N, C-alpha and C. Protein backbone atom coordinates (compact mmCIF):
# COMPACT_ATOMS: atom_id res chain seq x y z
N UNK A 1 0.96 -1.14 -0.01
CA UNK A 1 -0.02 -0.04 0.05
C UNK A 1 0.91 1.20 0.13
N UNK A 2 0.54 2.25 -0.84
CA UNK A 2 1.36 3.39 -0.94
C UNK A 2 1.06 4.35 0.24
N UNK A 3 1.99 5.41 0.44
CA UNK A 3 1.75 6.26 1.61
C UNK A 3 0.61 7.30 1.23
N UNK A 4 -0.07 7.68 2.32
CA UNK A 4 -1.15 8.65 2.27
C UNK A 4 -0.50 9.97 1.91
N UNK A 5 -1.19 10.66 0.94
CA UNK A 5 -0.84 12.04 0.58
C UNK A 5 -1.69 13.05 1.36
N UNK A 6 -1.20 14.36 1.29
CA UNK A 6 -1.96 15.37 2.03
C UNK A 6 -3.38 15.47 1.31
N UNK A 7 -3.29 15.43 -0.07
CA UNK A 7 -4.56 15.47 -0.81
C UNK A 7 -5.54 14.40 -0.30
N UNK A 8 -5.14 13.20 -0.25
CA UNK A 8 -5.93 12.07 0.23
C UNK A 8 -6.45 12.31 1.67
N UNK A 9 -5.58 12.88 2.57
CA UNK A 9 -5.98 13.13 3.85
C UNK A 9 -7.10 14.14 3.93
N UNK A 10 -7.01 15.24 3.09
CA UNK A 10 -8.08 16.24 3.02
C UNK A 10 -9.28 15.69 2.49
N UNK A 11 -9.25 14.68 1.51
CA UNK A 11 -10.48 14.00 0.96
C UNK A 11 -11.23 13.19 2.05
N UNK A 12 -10.37 12.57 2.90
CA UNK A 12 -10.87 11.77 4.06
C UNK A 12 -11.61 12.60 4.99
N UNK A 13 -11.00 13.78 5.24
CA UNK A 13 -11.60 14.73 6.30
C UNK A 13 -12.84 15.29 5.74
N UNK A 14 -12.84 15.60 4.42
CA UNK A 14 -14.08 16.04 3.88
C UNK A 14 -15.23 15.08 3.82
N UNK A 15 -14.94 13.72 3.51
CA UNK A 15 -15.92 12.75 3.62
C UNK A 15 -16.45 12.50 5.00
N UNK A 16 -15.60 12.56 6.03
CA UNK A 16 -16.03 12.24 7.37
C UNK A 16 -16.89 13.44 7.81
N UNK A 17 -16.46 14.73 7.44
CA UNK A 17 -17.19 15.98 7.79
C UNK A 17 -18.57 15.96 7.12
N UNK A 18 -18.68 15.54 5.85
CA UNK A 18 -19.93 15.56 5.10
C UNK A 18 -20.86 14.52 5.71
N UNK A 19 -20.28 13.52 6.36
CA UNK A 19 -21.17 12.45 6.90
C UNK A 19 -21.54 12.83 8.36
N UNK A 20 -21.03 13.93 8.83
CA UNK A 20 -21.43 14.43 10.15
C UNK A 20 -20.54 13.87 11.23
N UNK A 21 -19.32 13.29 10.86
CA UNK A 21 -18.46 12.66 11.93
C UNK A 21 -17.37 13.72 12.30
N UNK A 22 -17.07 13.82 13.55
CA UNK A 22 -16.15 14.78 14.21
C UNK A 22 -14.80 13.93 14.49
N UNK A 23 -14.07 13.60 13.53
CA UNK A 23 -12.78 12.81 13.90
C UNK A 23 -11.56 13.60 13.53
N UNK A 24 -10.61 13.38 14.30
CA UNK A 24 -9.34 13.97 13.94
C UNK A 24 -8.47 13.00 13.20
N UNK A 25 -7.92 13.41 12.05
CA UNK A 25 -7.26 12.59 11.14
C UNK A 25 -5.84 13.04 11.01
N UNK A 26 -4.91 12.15 11.15
CA UNK A 26 -3.42 12.48 11.06
C UNK A 26 -2.79 11.43 10.06
N UNK A 27 -1.59 11.83 9.54
CA UNK A 27 -0.83 10.97 8.82
C UNK A 27 0.45 10.55 9.70
N UNK A 28 0.56 9.30 9.94
CA UNK A 28 1.79 8.81 10.74
C UNK A 28 2.60 7.82 9.92
N UNK A 29 3.78 8.15 9.61
CA UNK A 29 4.57 7.32 8.74
C UNK A 29 3.94 6.74 7.55
N UNK A 30 3.16 7.72 6.88
CA UNK A 30 2.45 7.28 5.68
C UNK A 30 1.13 6.70 5.80
N UNK A 31 0.73 6.41 6.96
CA UNK A 31 -0.49 5.70 7.23
C UNK A 31 -1.49 6.67 7.86
N UNK A 32 -2.82 6.46 7.63
CA UNK A 32 -3.83 7.36 8.22
C UNK A 32 -4.22 6.85 9.55
N UNK A 33 -4.33 7.91 10.46
CA UNK A 33 -4.81 7.52 11.88
C UNK A 33 -6.08 8.40 12.02
N UNK A 34 -7.16 7.62 12.34
CA UNK A 34 -8.41 8.34 12.65
C UNK A 34 -8.67 8.20 14.16
N UNK A 35 -8.96 9.39 14.69
CA UNK A 35 -9.23 9.37 16.23
C UNK A 35 -10.60 9.89 16.51
N UNK A 36 -11.28 9.32 17.36
CA UNK A 36 -12.72 9.85 17.71
C UNK A 36 -12.54 11.04 18.71
N UNK A 37 -13.55 11.60 19.07
CA UNK A 37 -13.60 12.70 20.03
C UNK A 37 -13.10 12.26 21.47
N UNK A 38 -12.51 13.23 22.18
CA UNK A 38 -11.98 12.94 23.50
C UNK A 38 -13.22 12.82 24.51
N UNK A 39 -12.83 12.26 25.68
CA UNK A 39 -13.74 12.33 26.78
C UNK A 39 -13.86 13.79 27.25
N UNK A 40 -14.87 14.12 28.01
CA UNK A 40 -15.09 15.52 28.28
C UNK A 40 -14.08 16.10 29.35
N UNK A 41 -13.66 15.12 30.23
CA UNK A 41 -12.68 15.57 31.15
C UNK A 41 -11.32 16.04 30.36
N UNK A 42 -10.81 15.32 29.46
CA UNK A 42 -9.72 15.67 28.71
C UNK A 42 -9.99 16.87 27.85
N UNK A 43 -11.10 17.14 27.37
CA UNK A 43 -11.52 18.20 26.70
C UNK A 43 -11.52 19.47 27.61
N UNK A 44 -12.05 19.30 28.76
CA UNK A 44 -12.05 20.49 29.69
C UNK A 44 -10.65 20.88 30.04
N UNK A 45 -9.81 19.92 30.34
CA UNK A 45 -8.38 20.11 30.77
C UNK A 45 -7.71 20.81 29.67
N UNK A 46 -7.89 20.42 28.38
CA UNK A 46 -7.25 21.07 27.18
C UNK A 46 -7.71 22.46 27.13
N UNK A 47 -9.11 22.86 27.36
CA UNK A 47 -9.52 24.07 27.20
C UNK A 47 -8.89 24.89 28.33
N UNK A 48 -8.92 24.48 29.53
CA UNK A 48 -8.46 25.24 30.71
C UNK A 48 -6.94 25.68 30.51
N UNK A 49 -6.11 24.70 29.86
CA UNK A 49 -4.73 24.90 29.63
C UNK A 49 -4.64 26.01 28.57
N UNK A 50 -5.40 25.74 27.50
CA UNK A 50 -5.41 26.55 26.31
C UNK A 50 -5.66 27.98 26.57
N UNK A 51 -6.75 28.21 27.47
CA UNK A 51 -7.23 29.57 27.81
C UNK A 51 -6.07 30.28 28.56
N UNK A 52 -5.40 29.59 29.51
CA UNK A 52 -4.26 30.28 30.21
C UNK A 52 -3.17 30.67 29.23
N UNK A 53 -2.84 29.68 28.44
CA UNK A 53 -1.86 29.96 27.42
C UNK A 53 -2.11 31.16 26.46
N UNK A 54 -3.35 31.05 25.92
CA UNK A 54 -3.85 32.11 25.05
C UNK A 54 -3.92 33.45 25.75
N UNK A 55 -4.54 33.53 26.88
CA UNK A 55 -4.58 34.80 27.63
C UNK A 55 -3.17 35.46 27.94
N UNK A 56 -2.19 34.67 27.85
CA UNK A 56 -0.83 35.12 28.15
C UNK A 56 -0.29 35.62 26.75
N UNK A 57 -0.34 34.79 25.74
CA UNK A 57 0.28 34.94 24.45
C UNK A 57 -0.32 36.06 23.59
N UNK A 58 -1.63 36.10 23.46
CA UNK A 58 -2.27 37.08 22.54
C UNK A 58 -2.10 38.52 22.89
N UNK A 59 -2.26 38.86 24.00
CA UNK A 59 -2.09 40.26 24.37
C UNK A 59 -0.68 40.79 24.14
N UNK A 60 0.35 39.86 24.18
CA UNK A 60 1.64 40.20 24.18
C UNK A 60 2.11 40.06 22.67
N UNK A 61 1.31 39.46 21.89
CA UNK A 61 1.56 39.29 20.48
C UNK A 61 2.86 38.42 20.27
N UNK A 62 2.92 37.32 21.11
CA UNK A 62 4.14 36.38 21.21
C UNK A 62 3.94 35.24 20.02
N UNK A 63 2.70 35.09 19.58
CA UNK A 63 2.59 33.98 18.70
C UNK A 63 1.18 33.49 18.63
N UNK A 64 0.97 32.26 18.22
CA UNK A 64 -0.34 31.66 18.04
C UNK A 64 -0.55 30.41 18.69
N UNK A 65 -1.84 30.22 19.23
CA UNK A 65 -2.10 28.92 19.95
C UNK A 65 -3.14 28.15 19.17
N UNK A 66 -2.99 26.96 19.00
CA UNK A 66 -3.97 26.10 18.11
C UNK A 66 -4.47 24.92 19.01
N UNK A 67 -5.70 24.57 18.73
CA UNK A 67 -6.34 23.43 19.34
C UNK A 67 -6.04 22.23 18.46
N UNK A 68 -6.73 21.08 18.92
CA UNK A 68 -6.44 19.85 18.28
C UNK A 68 -6.93 19.76 16.71
N UNK A 69 -7.60 20.80 16.27
CA UNK A 69 -8.00 20.75 14.84
C UNK A 69 -6.82 21.39 13.95
N UNK A 70 -5.79 21.96 14.51
CA UNK A 70 -4.67 22.55 13.79
C UNK A 70 -3.74 21.59 13.43
N UNK A 71 -3.62 21.31 12.16
CA UNK A 71 -2.68 20.28 11.64
C UNK A 71 -1.43 20.88 11.12
N UNK A 72 -0.30 20.18 11.29
CA UNK A 72 0.97 20.62 10.92
C UNK A 72 1.72 19.46 9.97
N UNK A 73 2.17 19.83 8.90
CA UNK A 73 2.96 19.02 8.06
C UNK A 73 4.42 19.14 8.53
N UNK A 74 4.87 17.90 8.99
CA UNK A 74 6.22 17.88 9.56
C UNK A 74 7.23 17.56 8.56
N UNK A 75 8.48 17.75 8.85
CA UNK A 75 9.67 17.66 7.90
C UNK A 75 9.62 16.12 7.40
N UNK A 76 9.13 15.22 8.13
CA UNK A 76 9.23 13.79 7.82
C UNK A 76 7.97 13.37 6.90
N UNK A 77 7.08 14.47 6.54
CA UNK A 77 5.82 14.41 5.80
C UNK A 77 4.70 13.85 6.60
N UNK A 78 4.78 13.51 7.88
CA UNK A 78 3.72 13.22 8.71
C UNK A 78 2.89 14.45 8.88
N UNK A 79 1.49 14.16 9.01
CA UNK A 79 0.63 15.36 9.41
C UNK A 79 0.11 15.09 10.85
N UNK A 80 0.35 16.05 11.68
CA UNK A 80 0.11 15.75 13.07
C UNK A 80 -0.74 16.91 13.63
N UNK A 81 -1.56 16.75 14.59
CA UNK A 81 -2.36 17.73 15.29
C UNK A 81 -2.32 17.54 16.78
N UNK A 82 -1.32 18.24 17.31
CA UNK A 82 -1.36 18.13 18.81
C UNK A 82 -2.66 18.65 19.55
N UNK A 83 -2.88 18.18 20.67
CA UNK A 83 -4.06 18.68 21.40
C UNK A 83 -4.05 20.22 21.43
N UNK A 84 -2.77 20.73 21.86
CA UNK A 84 -2.62 22.17 21.95
C UNK A 84 -1.19 22.58 21.38
N UNK A 85 -1.15 23.52 20.65
CA UNK A 85 0.20 23.85 20.22
C UNK A 85 0.39 25.36 20.07
N UNK A 86 1.65 25.82 20.23
CA UNK A 86 2.10 27.17 20.13
C UNK A 86 3.16 27.31 19.19
N UNK A 87 3.05 28.37 18.44
CA UNK A 87 3.97 28.74 17.33
C UNK A 87 4.46 30.23 17.56
N UNK A 88 5.68 30.45 17.70
CA UNK A 88 6.13 31.90 17.99
C UNK A 88 5.82 32.77 16.85
N UNK A 89 5.54 34.08 17.05
CA UNK A 89 5.16 34.99 16.00
C UNK A 89 6.09 35.06 14.89
N UNK A 90 7.32 35.04 15.14
CA UNK A 90 8.39 35.25 14.09
C UNK A 90 8.33 34.07 13.13
N UNK A 91 7.85 32.93 13.53
CA UNK A 91 7.80 31.76 12.70
C UNK A 91 6.49 31.55 11.87
N UNK A 92 5.44 32.26 12.28
CA UNK A 92 4.12 32.20 11.60
C UNK A 92 3.47 33.60 11.77
N UNK A 93 3.97 34.48 10.88
CA UNK A 93 3.43 35.92 10.86
C UNK A 93 1.94 35.95 10.51
N UNK A 94 1.43 34.98 9.67
CA UNK A 94 0.11 34.99 9.15
C UNK A 94 -0.39 33.55 9.24
N UNK A 95 -1.69 33.46 9.51
CA UNK A 95 -2.29 32.10 9.52
C UNK A 95 -2.55 31.76 8.04
N UNK A 96 -2.68 30.48 7.78
CA UNK A 96 -2.99 29.91 6.54
C UNK A 96 -4.16 29.06 6.63
N UNK A 97 -4.94 28.86 5.48
CA UNK A 97 -6.15 28.14 5.41
C UNK A 97 -5.84 26.68 4.93
N UNK A 98 -4.75 26.22 5.48
CA UNK A 98 -4.37 24.83 5.21
C UNK A 98 -3.52 24.33 6.37
N UNK A 99 -2.77 23.21 6.32
CA UNK A 99 -1.93 22.74 7.34
C UNK A 99 -0.68 23.61 7.33
N UNK A 100 -0.09 23.94 8.47
CA UNK A 100 1.14 24.71 8.51
C UNK A 100 2.29 23.70 8.19
N UNK A 101 3.18 24.17 7.52
CA UNK A 101 4.52 23.45 7.16
C UNK A 101 5.48 23.86 8.10
N UNK A 102 5.33 23.40 9.28
CA UNK A 102 6.38 23.69 10.47
C UNK A 102 6.10 22.81 11.57
N UNK A 103 7.08 22.82 12.41
CA UNK A 103 6.96 22.16 13.72
C UNK A 103 6.65 23.17 14.79
N UNK A 104 5.57 22.95 15.55
CA UNK A 104 5.27 23.98 16.63
C UNK A 104 6.46 24.05 17.63
N UNK A 105 6.53 25.23 18.28
CA UNK A 105 7.50 25.36 19.34
C UNK A 105 7.24 24.67 20.57
N UNK A 106 5.86 24.53 20.87
CA UNK A 106 5.33 23.89 21.95
C UNK A 106 4.23 22.88 21.51
N UNK A 107 4.28 21.71 22.06
CA UNK A 107 3.16 20.77 21.83
C UNK A 107 2.75 20.27 23.01
N UNK A 108 1.41 20.15 23.21
CA UNK A 108 0.80 19.68 24.45
C UNK A 108 -0.23 18.51 24.07
N UNK A 109 -0.06 17.40 24.75
CA UNK A 109 -1.04 16.35 24.56
C UNK A 109 -1.64 16.12 25.94
N UNK A 110 -3.01 15.93 25.93
CA UNK A 110 -3.84 15.60 27.10
C UNK A 110 -4.32 14.20 26.86
N UNK A 111 -3.88 13.36 27.98
CA UNK A 111 -4.28 11.92 27.89
C UNK A 111 -5.87 11.86 28.11
N UNK A 112 -6.38 11.15 26.98
CA UNK A 112 -7.83 10.89 27.14
C UNK A 112 -7.94 9.40 27.88
N UNK A 113 -9.14 9.13 28.14
CA UNK A 113 -9.43 7.86 28.93
C UNK A 113 -8.88 6.62 28.16
N UNK A 114 -8.94 6.69 26.97
CA UNK A 114 -8.56 5.57 26.06
C UNK A 114 -7.09 5.61 25.57
N UNK A 115 -6.38 6.66 25.73
CA UNK A 115 -5.05 6.84 25.35
C UNK A 115 -4.19 6.01 26.16
N UNK A 116 -2.95 5.65 25.48
CA UNK A 116 -1.87 4.87 26.10
C UNK A 116 -0.81 5.88 26.26
N UNK A 117 -0.04 6.02 27.46
CA UNK A 117 0.95 6.97 27.78
C UNK A 117 2.07 6.87 26.82
N UNK A 118 2.44 5.56 26.57
CA UNK A 118 3.59 5.20 25.77
C UNK A 118 3.43 5.93 24.26
N UNK A 119 2.28 5.73 23.77
CA UNK A 119 2.02 6.32 22.49
C UNK A 119 1.99 7.78 22.40
N UNK A 120 1.64 8.35 23.53
CA UNK A 120 1.55 9.92 23.51
C UNK A 120 3.05 10.33 23.62
N UNK A 121 3.85 9.66 24.45
CA UNK A 121 5.23 9.97 24.64
C UNK A 121 5.89 9.87 23.38
N UNK A 122 5.70 8.82 22.56
CA UNK A 122 6.30 8.75 21.30
C UNK A 122 5.91 9.90 20.32
N UNK A 123 4.71 10.31 20.40
CA UNK A 123 4.35 11.48 19.49
C UNK A 123 5.09 12.65 19.96
N UNK A 124 5.06 12.95 21.28
CA UNK A 124 5.85 14.15 21.85
C UNK A 124 7.41 14.06 21.37
N UNK A 125 7.89 12.94 21.54
CA UNK A 125 9.37 12.72 21.14
C UNK A 125 9.55 13.02 19.73
N UNK A 126 8.62 12.61 18.90
CA UNK A 126 8.78 12.70 17.52
C UNK A 126 8.85 14.44 17.25
N UNK A 127 7.88 15.01 17.80
CA UNK A 127 7.86 16.47 17.75
C UNK A 127 9.28 17.10 18.12
N UNK A 128 9.77 16.63 19.36
CA UNK A 128 11.01 17.11 19.76
C UNK A 128 12.12 16.85 18.93
N UNK A 129 12.14 15.67 18.30
CA UNK A 129 13.28 15.27 17.42
C UNK A 129 13.30 16.11 16.11
N UNK A 130 12.00 16.59 15.69
CA UNK A 130 11.93 17.39 14.57
C UNK A 130 12.00 18.95 14.76
N UNK A 131 12.26 19.26 15.98
CA UNK A 131 12.56 20.76 16.32
C UNK A 131 11.52 21.45 17.23
N UNK A 132 10.61 20.78 17.81
CA UNK A 132 9.88 21.38 18.87
C UNK A 132 10.80 21.65 20.11
N UNK A 133 10.57 22.75 20.70
CA UNK A 133 11.35 23.13 21.88
C UNK A 133 10.92 22.38 23.17
N UNK A 134 9.53 22.28 23.46
CA UNK A 134 9.14 21.72 24.55
C UNK A 134 7.84 20.88 24.15
N UNK A 135 7.68 19.74 24.86
CA UNK A 135 6.47 18.91 24.76
C UNK A 135 5.92 18.71 26.11
N UNK A 136 4.68 18.59 26.36
CA UNK A 136 3.96 18.57 27.67
C UNK A 136 2.91 17.49 27.45
N UNK A 137 2.93 16.58 28.45
CA UNK A 137 1.92 15.52 28.49
C UNK A 137 1.15 15.86 29.86
N UNK A 138 -0.15 16.06 29.73
CA UNK A 138 -1.08 16.21 30.84
C UNK A 138 -1.88 14.87 31.02
N UNK A 139 -1.82 14.45 32.19
CA UNK A 139 -2.46 13.16 32.58
C UNK A 139 -3.47 13.34 33.68
N UNK A 140 -4.77 13.70 33.23
CA UNK A 140 -5.84 13.78 34.14
C UNK A 140 -6.01 12.66 35.22
N UNK A 141 -5.68 11.38 34.77
CA UNK A 141 -5.94 10.23 35.61
C UNK A 141 -4.88 10.36 36.73
N UNK A 142 -3.59 10.64 36.43
CA UNK A 142 -2.56 10.73 37.46
C UNK A 142 -2.53 12.20 38.08
N UNK A 143 -3.21 13.05 37.71
CA UNK A 143 -3.14 14.47 38.10
C UNK A 143 -1.63 15.02 38.07
N UNK A 144 -0.97 14.78 36.98
CA UNK A 144 0.33 15.31 36.74
C UNK A 144 0.55 15.87 35.36
N UNK A 145 1.57 16.67 35.26
CA UNK A 145 2.05 17.22 34.03
C UNK A 145 3.44 16.94 33.84
N UNK A 146 3.80 16.32 32.64
CA UNK A 146 5.31 15.94 32.39
C UNK A 146 5.81 16.84 31.35
N UNK A 147 6.86 17.49 31.69
CA UNK A 147 7.55 18.51 30.64
C UNK A 147 8.68 17.74 29.95
N UNK A 148 8.76 17.77 28.68
CA UNK A 148 9.84 17.20 27.82
C UNK A 148 10.51 18.08 27.11
N UNK A 149 11.84 18.05 27.11
CA UNK A 149 12.73 18.91 26.36
C UNK A 149 13.69 17.97 25.55
N UNK A 150 14.19 18.45 24.46
CA UNK A 150 15.15 17.65 23.81
C UNK A 150 16.48 17.37 24.70
N UNK A 151 16.91 16.19 24.63
CA UNK A 151 18.20 15.87 25.31
C UNK A 151 18.12 16.18 26.88
N UNK A 152 16.88 16.06 27.49
CA UNK A 152 16.73 16.32 28.97
C UNK A 152 15.79 15.27 29.52
N UNK A 153 16.07 15.10 30.82
CA UNK A 153 15.16 14.18 31.54
C UNK A 153 13.85 14.82 31.86
N UNK A 154 12.69 14.18 31.52
CA UNK A 154 11.42 14.78 31.84
C UNK A 154 11.24 15.21 33.25
N UNK A 155 10.41 16.29 33.40
CA UNK A 155 10.17 16.88 34.73
C UNK A 155 8.59 16.51 35.02
N UNK A 156 8.38 16.03 36.10
CA UNK A 156 6.99 15.70 36.50
C UNK A 156 6.51 16.76 37.51
N UNK A 157 5.42 17.50 37.25
CA UNK A 157 4.79 18.39 38.03
C UNK A 157 3.46 17.89 38.66
N UNK A 158 3.18 18.20 39.91
CA UNK A 158 1.97 17.81 40.56
C UNK A 158 1.11 19.03 41.00
N UNK A 159 0.00 18.71 41.59
CA UNK A 159 -0.94 19.91 42.03
C UNK A 159 -0.40 21.00 42.63
N UNK A 160 0.66 20.79 43.55
CA UNK A 160 1.13 21.99 44.32
C UNK A 160 2.18 22.79 43.52
N UNK A 161 2.51 22.28 42.33
CA UNK A 161 3.55 22.86 41.53
C UNK A 161 3.04 23.99 40.58
N UNK A 162 3.91 24.80 40.06
CA UNK A 162 3.59 25.90 39.06
C UNK A 162 4.29 25.54 37.76
N UNK A 163 3.60 25.43 36.67
CA UNK A 163 4.27 25.34 35.40
C UNK A 163 4.87 26.62 34.93
N UNK A 164 6.09 26.74 34.61
CA UNK A 164 6.68 27.88 34.01
C UNK A 164 7.60 27.24 32.72
N UNK A 165 7.67 28.18 31.79
CA UNK A 165 8.45 27.81 30.52
C UNK A 165 9.34 29.01 30.24
N UNK A 166 10.26 29.38 31.25
CA UNK A 166 11.04 30.69 30.98
C UNK A 166 11.81 30.63 29.70
N UNK A 167 12.22 29.64 29.23
CA UNK A 167 13.06 29.53 27.92
C UNK A 167 12.04 29.85 26.71
N UNK A 168 10.83 29.63 26.77
CA UNK A 168 9.93 29.83 25.66
C UNK A 168 8.93 30.98 25.97
N UNK A 169 8.36 30.97 27.15
CA UNK A 169 7.39 32.05 27.55
C UNK A 169 7.72 32.63 28.83
N UNK A 170 8.69 33.59 28.88
CA UNK A 170 9.17 34.13 30.13
C UNK A 170 8.04 34.77 30.82
N UNK A 171 7.73 34.60 32.03
CA UNK A 171 6.71 35.26 32.89
C UNK A 171 5.39 34.48 32.99
N UNK A 172 5.14 33.62 32.09
CA UNK A 172 3.95 32.86 32.13
C UNK A 172 3.92 31.82 33.21
N UNK A 173 2.90 31.76 34.05
CA UNK A 173 2.83 30.76 35.17
C UNK A 173 1.51 30.11 35.11
N UNK A 174 1.52 28.85 35.33
CA UNK A 174 0.12 28.12 35.35
C UNK A 174 0.13 27.15 36.65
N UNK A 175 -0.37 27.53 37.64
CA UNK A 175 -0.54 26.57 38.88
C UNK A 175 -1.24 25.21 38.18
N UNK A 176 -0.64 24.10 38.56
CA UNK A 176 -1.11 22.84 37.97
C UNK A 176 -2.58 22.56 38.51
N UNK A 177 -2.89 22.98 39.78
CA UNK A 177 -4.20 22.65 40.19
C UNK A 177 -5.29 23.48 39.46
N UNK A 178 -4.94 24.46 38.65
CA UNK A 178 -5.96 25.20 37.83
C UNK A 178 -6.34 24.61 36.52
N UNK A 179 -5.61 23.41 36.11
CA UNK A 179 -6.05 22.82 34.83
C UNK A 179 -7.00 21.67 35.17
N UNK A 180 -7.36 21.37 36.29
CA UNK A 180 -8.26 20.23 36.50
C UNK A 180 -9.67 20.71 36.61
N UNK A 181 -10.60 20.08 36.04
CA UNK A 181 -11.99 20.47 36.03
C UNK A 181 -12.48 20.73 37.52
N UNK A 182 -13.16 21.74 37.76
CA UNK A 182 -13.70 22.09 39.19
C UNK A 182 -14.82 21.07 39.50
N UNK A 183 -15.09 20.85 40.75
CA UNK A 183 -16.28 20.17 41.28
C UNK A 183 -17.25 21.08 41.71
N UNK A 184 -18.40 21.13 41.43
CA UNK A 184 -19.53 21.94 41.83
C UNK A 184 -20.33 21.18 42.89
N UNK A 185 -20.56 21.86 44.10
CA UNK A 185 -21.25 21.20 45.05
C UNK A 185 -22.80 21.46 44.91
């Protein structure tokens, strides 16, 4: 079987959309990956993280934040869509109405109920090997955040910790306990 092309990927996305299906589609090593919607806990965690990130980045015009619908064509020809991503302003001065042909500076993956951590880590390590500066894995089940950098040991943060990324976003802080969905009494 030949490798999936960008054109074929767009055709699959169009067919799924026309049929009323909300699936994320990626190309991984020439093969198509179709992923269903996330559970609502993962979705809310993703939103809470994105909101904090966007509220810091946009007023300062530091770059762009994308959700899981934003696809990137990577140097190895894979098309990937991290749950959350950030691209510095100097690298993407204008948005495009197609996949961006670049590697985000920051990629964030939020573990959903059905995800396997090993596969998420592999995806993050792929981004790092292709030029991402930081990868983050948020695990709502373990209530932790793991920060990955190229050639560095991962750092695990828990509820009492504060996430900072001074090498990429100086001044931005996110208390870990603020990314978990609140409980209403």
